[in-house]
Amino acid sequence: MVKNLLFRLTHLQNCTNDLVIASAAAEIARQPMTETVLLGIGFLI
């Protein structure tokens, strides 16, 4: 589950579609904020 989420987060780097970003943010909000998820978010910044 986390690997799939990280894959989608990485994929967002090449996407400027606000709807896709909002959808990913909503999915992140439903996930437990583990170190792995936070690390994945860190790569986007």
PDB file of N, CA and C in Angstrom:
ATOM      1  N   MET A   1       0.830  -1.201   0.000  1.00  0.00           N
ATOM      2  CA  MET A   1       0.000   0.000   0.000  1.00  0.00           C
ATOM      3  C   MET A   1       0.871   1.260   0.000  1.00  0.00           C
ATOM      4  N   VAL A   2       1.857   1.277   0.887  1.00  0.00           N
ATOM      5  CA  VAL A   2       2.732   2.451   0.968  1.00  0.00           C
ATOM      6  C   VAL A   2       3.563   2.593  -0.303  1.00  0.00           C
ATOM      7  N   LYS A   3       4.059   1.464  -0.832  1.00  0.00           N
ATOM      8  CA  LYS A   3       4.861   1.536  -2.061  1.00  0.00           C
ATOM      9  C   LYS A   3       4.035   2.106  -3.206  1.00  0.00           C
ATOM     10  N   ASN A   4       2.766   1.688  -3.285  1.00  0.00           N
ATOM     11  CA  ASN A   4       1.886   2.192  -4.339  1.00  0.00           C
ATOM     12  C   ASN A   4       1.669   3.690  -4.178  1.00  0.00           C
ATOM     13  N   LEU A   5       1.493   4.139  -2.943  1.00  0.00           N
ATOM     14  CA  LEU A   5       1.309   5.564  -2.679  1.00  0.00           C
ATOM     15  C   LEU A   5       2.559   6.351  -3.058  1.00  0.00           C
ATOM     16  N   LEU A   6       3.722   5.818  -2.704  1.00  0.00           N
ATOM     17  CA  LEU A   6       4.974   6.497  -3.040  1.00  0.00           C
ATOM     18  C   LEU A   6       5.167   6.566  -4.546  1.00  0.00           C
ATOM     19  N   PHE A   7       4.756   5.512  -5.241  1.00  0.00           N
ATOM     20  CA  PHE A   7       4.852   5.515  -6.700  1.00  0.00           C
ATOM     21  C   PHE A   7       4.013   6.653  -7.272  1.00  0.00           C
ATOM     22  N   ARG A   8       2.808   6.816  -6.737  1.00  0.00           N
ATOM     23  CA  ARG A   8       1.940   7.888  -7.216  1.00  0.00           C
ATOM     24  C   ARG A   8       2.511   9.257  -6.870  1.00  0.00           C
ATOM     25  N   LEU A   9       3.100   9.381  -5.695  1.00  0.00           N
ATOM     26  CA  LEU A   9       3.712  10.655  -5.300  1.00  0.00           C
ATOM     27  C   LEU A   9       4.855  11.008  -6.243  1.00  0.00           C
ATOM     28  N   THR A  10       5.666  10.025  -6.579  1.00  0.00           N
ATOM     29  CA  THR A  10       6.784  10.253  -7.495  1.00  0.00           C
ATOM     30  C   THR A  10       6.259  10.659  -8.866  1.00  0.00           C
ATOM     31  N   HIS A  11       5.170  10.028  -9.274  1.00  0.00           N
ATOM     32  CA  HIS A  11       4.569  10.311 -10.572  1.00  0.00           C
ATOM     33  C   HIS A  11       4.073  11.754 -10.650  1.00  0.00           C
ATOM     34  N   LEU A  12       3.684  12.323  -9.518  1.00  0.00           N
ATOM     35  CA  LEU A  12       3.155  13.690  -9.493  1.00  0.00           C
ATOM     36  C   LEU A  12       4.202  14.740  -9.843  1.00  0.00           C
ATOM     37  N   GLN A  13       5.469  14.393  -9.735  1.00  0.00           N
ATOM     38  CA  GLN A  13       6.523  15.361 -10.042  1.00  0.00           C
ATOM     39  C   GLN A  13       6.405  15.869 -11.471  1.00  0.00           C
ATOM     40  N   ASN A  14       5.875  15.041 -12.369  1.00  0.00           N
ATOM     41  CA  ASN A  14       5.763  15.431 -13.771  1.00  0.00           C
ATOM     42  C   ASN A  14       4.343  15.852 -14.135  1.00  0.00           C
ATOM     43  N   CYS A  15       3.499  16.070 -13.135  1.00  0.00           N
ATOM     44  CA  CYS A  15       2.097  16.377 -13.403  1.00  0.00           C
ATOM     45  C   CYS A  15       1.709  17.696 -12.754  1.00  0.00           C
ATOM     46  N   THR A  16       1.092  18.577 -13.521  1.00  0.00           N
ATOM     47  CA  THR A  16       0.664  19.861 -12.975  1.00  0.00           C
ATOM     48  C   THR A  16      -0.854  19.942 -12.889  1.00  0.00           C
ATOM     49  N   ASN A  17      -1.508  18.810 -13.042  1.00  0.00           N
ATOM     50  CA  ASN A  17      -2.963  18.772 -12.998  1.00  0.00           C
ATOM     51  C   ASN A  17      -3.427  18.916 -11.553  1.00  0.00           C
ATOM     52  N   ASP A  18      -4.085  20.029 -11.242  1.00  0.00           N
ATOM     53  CA  ASP A  18      -4.528  20.298  -9.870  1.00  0.00           C
ATOM     54  C   ASP A  18      -5.452  19.211  -9.339  1.00  0.00           C
ATOM     55  N   LEU A  19      -6.277  18.651 -10.197  1.00  0.00           N
ATOM     56  CA  LEU A  19      -7.216  17.622  -9.759  1.00  0.00           C
ATOM     57  C   LEU A  19      -6.478  16.374  -9.303  1.00  0.00           C
ATOM     58  N   VAL A  20      -5.444  15.991 -10.031  1.00  0.00           N
ATOM     59  CA  VAL A  20      -4.651  14.823  -9.660  1.00  0.00           C
ATOM     60  C   VAL A  20      -3.928  15.077  -8.341  1.00  0.00           C
ATOM     61  N   ILE A  21      -3.377  16.272  -8.189  1.00  0.00           N
ATOM     62  CA  ILE A  21      -2.665  16.618  -6.958  1.00  0.00           C
ATOM     63  C   ILE A  21      -3.630  16.620  -5.773  1.00  0.00           C
ATOM     64  N   ALA A  22      -4.816  17.176  -5.967  1.00  0.00           N
ATOM     65  CA  ALA A  22      -5.813  17.206  -4.895  1.00  0.00           C
ATOM     66  C   ALA A  22      -6.244  15.793  -4.528  1.00  0.00           C
ATOM     67  N   SER A  23      -6.384  14.937  -5.526  1.00  0.00           N
ATOM     68  CA  SER A  23      -6.762  13.550  -5.282  1.00  0.00           C
ATOM     69  C   SER A  23      -5.684  12.828  -4.481  1.00  0.00           C
ATOM     70  N   ALA A  24      -4.435  13.059  -4.839  1.00  0.00           N
ATOM     71  CA  ALA A  24      -3.324  12.439  -4.115  1.00  0.00           C
ATOM     72  C   ALA A  24      -3.264  12.963  -2.681  1.00  0.00           C
ATOM     73  N   ALA A  25      -3.506  14.257  -2.506  1.00  0.00           N
ATOM     74  CA  ALA A  25      -3.493  14.836  -1.165  1.00  0.00           C
ATOM     75  C   ALA A  25      -4.592  14.224  -0.303  1.00  0.00           C
ATOM     76  N   ALA A  26      -5.752  13.984  -0.899  1.00  0.00           N
ATOM     77  CA  ALA A  26      -6.851  13.363  -0.169  1.00  0.00           C
ATOM     78  C   ALA A  26      -6.484  11.935   0.219  1.00  0.00           C
ATOM     79  N   GLU A  27      -5.800  11.232  -0.667  1.00  0.00           N
ATOM     80  CA  GLU A  27      -5.377   9.864  -0.361  1.00  0.00           C
ATOM     81  C   GLU A  27      -4.330   9.860   0.743  1.00  0.00           C
ATOM     82  N   ILE A  28      -3.408  10.809   0.701  1.00  0.00           N
ATOM     83  CA  ILE A  28      -2.387  10.916   1.746  1.00  0.00           C
ATOM     84  C   ILE A  28      -3.057  11.157   3.098  1.00  0.00           C
ATOM     85  N   ALA A  29      -4.094  11.985   3.097  1.00  0.00           N
ATOM     86  CA  ALA A  29      -4.786  12.318   4.346  1.00  0.00           C
ATOM     87  C   ALA A  29      -5.427  11.083   4.975  1.00  0.00           C
ATOM     88  N   ARG A  30      -5.768  10.085   4.149  1.00  0.00           N
ATOM     89  CA  ARG A  30      -6.387   8.863   4.666  1.00  0.00           C
ATOM     90  C   ARG A  30      -5.358   7.843   5.136  1.00  0.00           C
ATOM     91  N   GLN A  31      -4.086   8.081   4.822  1.00  0.00           N
ATOM     92  CA  GLN A  31      -3.027   7.135   5.180  1.00  0.00           C
ATOM     93  C   GLN A  31      -2.382   7.520   6.504  1.00  0.00           C
ATOM     94  N   PRO A  32      -1.932   6.520   7.261  1.00  0.00           N
ATOM     95  CA  PRO A  32      -1.163   6.843   8.463  1.00  0.00           C
ATOM     96  C   PRO A  32       0.153   7.503   8.043  1.00  0.00           C
ATOM     97  N   MET A  33       0.548   8.539   8.740  1.00  0.00           N
ATOM     98  CA  MET A  33       1.747   9.274   8.361  1.00  0.00           C
ATOM     99  C   MET A  33       2.994   8.571   8.898  1.00  0.00           C
ATOM    100  N   THR A  34       3.396   7.538   8.197  1.00  0.00           N
ATOM    101  CA  THR A  34       4.591   6.802   8.587  1.00  0.00           C
ATOM    102  C   THR A  34       5.830   7.533   8.087  1.00  0.00           C
ATOM    103  N   GLU A  35       6.980   7.109   8.561  1.00  0.00           N
ATOM    104  CA  GLU A  35       8.229   7.733   8.108  1.00  0.00           C
ATOM    105  C   GLU A  35       8.398   7.576   6.606  1.00  0.00           C
ATOM    106  N   THR A  36       7.975   6.436   6.081  1.00  0.00           N
ATOM    107  CA  THR A  36       8.122   6.190   4.649  1.00  0.00           C
ATOM    108  C   THR A  36       7.282   7.172   3.844  1.00  0.00           C
ATOM    109  N   VAL A  37       6.061   7.411   4.289  1.00  0.00           N
ATOM    110  CA  VAL A  37       5.186   8.354   3.584  1.00  0.00           C
ATOM    111  C   VAL A  37       5.754   9.768   3.667  1.00  0.00           C
ATOM    112  N   LEU A  38       6.222  10.149   4.843  1.00  0.00           N
ATOM    113  CA  LEU A  38       6.813  11.480   5.002  1.00  0.00           C
ATOM    114  C   LEU A  38       8.055  11.635   4.133  1.00  0.00           C
ATOM    115  N   LEU A  39       8.836  10.581   4.020  1.00  0.00           N
ATOM    116  CA  LEU A  39      10.020  10.612   3.171  1.00  0.00           C
ATOM    117  C   LEU A  39       9.610  10.808   1.714  1.00  0.00           C
ATOM    118  N   GLY A  40       8.558  10.125   1.302  1.00  0.00           N
ATOM    119  CA  GLY A  40       8.052  10.261  -0.064  1.00  0.00           C
ATOM    120  C   GLY A  40       7.581  11.677  -0.343  1.00  0.00           C
ATOM    121  N   ILE A  41       6.904  12.279   0.635  1.00  0.00           N
ATOM    122  CA  ILE A  41       6.450  13.658   0.476  1.00  0.00           C
ATOM    123  C   ILE A  41       7.654  14.593   0.393  1.00  0.00           C
ATOM    124  N   GLY A  42       8.682  14.297   1.163  1.00  0.00           N
ATOM    125  CA  GLY A  42       9.890  15.109   1.160  1.00  0.00           C
ATOM    126  C   GLY A  42      10.547  15.175  -0.210  1.00  0.00           C
ATOM    127  N   PHE A  43      10.452  14.095  -0.980  1.00  0.00           N
ATOM    128  CA  PHE A  43      11.046  14.081  -2.313  1.00  0.00           C
ATOM    129  C   PHE A  43      10.335  15.055  -3.253  1.00  0.00           C
ATOM    130  N   LEU A  44       9.076  15.363  -2.975  1.00  0.00           N
ATOM    131  CA  LEU A  44       8.320  16.266  -3.840  1.00  0.00           C
ATOM    132  C   LEU A  44       8.702  17.719  -3.610  1.00  0.00           C
ATOM    133  N   ILE A  45       9.193  18.013  -2.421  1.00  0.00           N
ATOM    134  CA  ILE A  45       9.478  19.399  -2.050  1.00  0.00           C
ATOM    135  C   ILE A  45      10.873  19.814  -2.517  1.00  0.00           C
TER     136      ILE A  45
END
